[in-house]
C-alpha atoms as a PDB file:
ATOM      1  CA  UNK A   1     -11.845  24.621   9.129  1.00  0.00           C
ATOM      2  CA  UNK A   2     -12.451  21.191   9.509  1.00  0.00           C
ATOM      3  CA  UNK A   3     -12.292  19.872   6.271  1.00  0.00           C
ATOM      4  CA  UNK A   4      -8.990  21.603   5.251  1.00  0.00           C
ATOM      5  CA  UNK A   5      -7.798  19.907   8.362  1.00  0.00           C
ATOM      6  CA  UNK A   6      -8.695  16.245   7.156  1.00  0.00           C
ATOM      7  CA  UNK A   7      -7.083  17.062   4.163  1.00  0.00           C
ATOM      8  CA  UNK A   8      -3.775  18.064   5.646  1.00  0.00           C
ATOM      9  CA  UNK A   9      -4.179  14.270   7.490  1.00  0.00           C
ATOM     10  CA  UNK A  10      -4.825  12.314   4.119  1.00  0.00           C
ATOM     11  CA  UNK A  11      -1.880  13.956   1.940  1.00  0.00           C
ATOM     12  CA  UNK A  12       0.333  13.398   5.618  1.00  0.00           C
ATOM     13  CA  UNK A  13      -0.920  10.347   5.736  1.00  0.00           C
ATOM     14  CA  UNK A  14      -0.478   9.770   2.148  1.00  0.00           C
ATOM     15  CA  UNK A  15       3.455  11.404   2.322  1.00  0.00           C
ATOM     16  CA  UNK A  16       3.969   8.928   4.994  1.00  0.00           C
ATOM     17  CA  UNK A  17       3.739   5.568   3.867  1.00  0.00           C
ATOM     18  CA  UNK A  18       5.760   6.355   0.513  1.00  0.00           C
ATOM     19  CA  UNK A  19       8.419   7.870   2.862  1.00  0.00           C
ATOM     20  CA  UNK A  20       8.196   4.995   4.401  1.00  0.00           C
ATOM     21  CA  UNK A  21       8.187   2.210   2.001  1.00  0.00           C
ATOM     22  CA  UNK A  22      10.888   4.284   0.441  1.00  0.00           C
ATOM     23  CA  UNK A  23      13.295   4.396   3.056  1.00  0.00           C
ATOM     24  CA  UNK A  24      12.479   0.576   3.908  1.00  0.00           C
ATOM     25  CA  UNK A  25      13.607   0.041  -0.169  1.00  0.00           C
ATOM     26  CA  UNK A  26      10.310  -0.674  -1.404  1.00  0.00           C
ATOM     27  CA  UNK A  27       9.129   1.894  -3.690  1.00  0.00           C
ATOM     28  CA  UNK A  28      12.698   1.979  -5.626  1.00  0.00           C
ATOM     29  CA  UNK A  29      14.399   4.957  -7.671  1.00  0.00           C
ATOM     30  CA  UNK A  30      14.673   7.456  -5.527  1.00  0.00           C
ATOM     31  CA  UNK A  31      16.880   9.140  -3.941  1.00  0.00           C
ATOM     32  CA  UNK A  32      15.276   8.176  -0.796  1.00  0.00           C
ATOM     33  CA  UNK A  33      15.276   4.557  -1.465  1.00  0.00           C
ATOM     34  CA  UNK A  34      16.490   2.240   1.163  1.00  0.00           C
ATOM     35  CA  UNK A  35      17.527   5.516   3.213  1.00  0.00           C
ATOM     36  CA  UNK A  36      16.267   5.199   7.094  1.00  0.00           C
ATOM     37  CA  UNK A  37      15.894   8.275   7.948  1.00  0.00           C
ATOM     38  CA  UNK A  38      12.870   8.339   4.798  1.00  0.00           C
ATOM     39  CA  UNK A  39      11.684   5.445   6.913  1.00  0.00           C
ATOM     40  CA  UNK A  40      11.679   7.619  10.032  1.00  0.00           C
ATOM     41  CA  UNK A  41      10.389  10.536   8.860  1.00  0.00           C
ATOM     42  CA  UNK A  42       7.252   8.585   6.935  1.00  0.00           C
ATOM     43  CA  UNK A  43       6.222   6.970  10.418  1.00  0.00           C
ATOM     44  CA  UNK A  44       6.292  10.503  11.788  1.00  0.00           C
ATOM     45  CA  UNK A  45       4.891  12.353   9.396  1.00  0.00           C
ATOM     46  CA  UNK A  46       1.968   9.479   9.186  1.00  0.00           C
ATOM     47  CA  UNK A  47       1.676   9.631  13.186  1.00  0.00           C
ATOM     48  CA  UNK A  48       0.822  13.138  12.516  1.00  0.00           C
ATOM     49  CA  UNK A  49      -1.502  12.654  10.273  1.00  0.00           C
ATOM     50  CA  UNK A  50      -2.866  10.210  12.000  1.00  0.00           C
ATOM     51  CA  UNK A  51      -3.158  12.360  15.184  1.00  0.00           C
ATOM     52  CA  UNK A  52      -4.908  15.082  13.552  1.00  0.00           C
ATOM     53  CA  UNK A  53      -7.661  12.928  11.890  1.00  0.00           C
ATOM     54  CA  UNK A  54      -8.549  11.307  15.371  1.00  0.00           C
ATOM     55  CA  UNK A  55      -8.629  14.552  16.836  1.00  0.00           C
ATOM     56  CA  UNK A  56     -10.809  15.968  14.056  1.00  0.00           C
ATOM     57  CA  UNK A  57     -13.126  12.880  14.408  1.00  0.00           C
ATOM     58  CA  UNK A  58     -12.967  13.345  17.956  1.00  0.00           C
ATOM     59  CA  UNK A  59     -14.202  17.274  17.893  1.00  0.00           C
ATOM     60  CA  UNK A  60     -17.539  16.425  16.048  1.00  0.00           C
ATOM     61  CA  UNK A  61     -18.445  14.968  19.156  1.00  0.00           C
END
């Protein structure tokens, strides 16, 4: 189960970074480019991914 949570946290972090970069216009070529809502969604997604990763790390100790 811990491995699945680690995988999910990595996917959430990666998706969050992509959404953020598209939302601020760094990664062009999508309907999300330049839309601040996607930047905010990316920040939230990345924060959840980091939080889940830290939760898994803290549970090991």
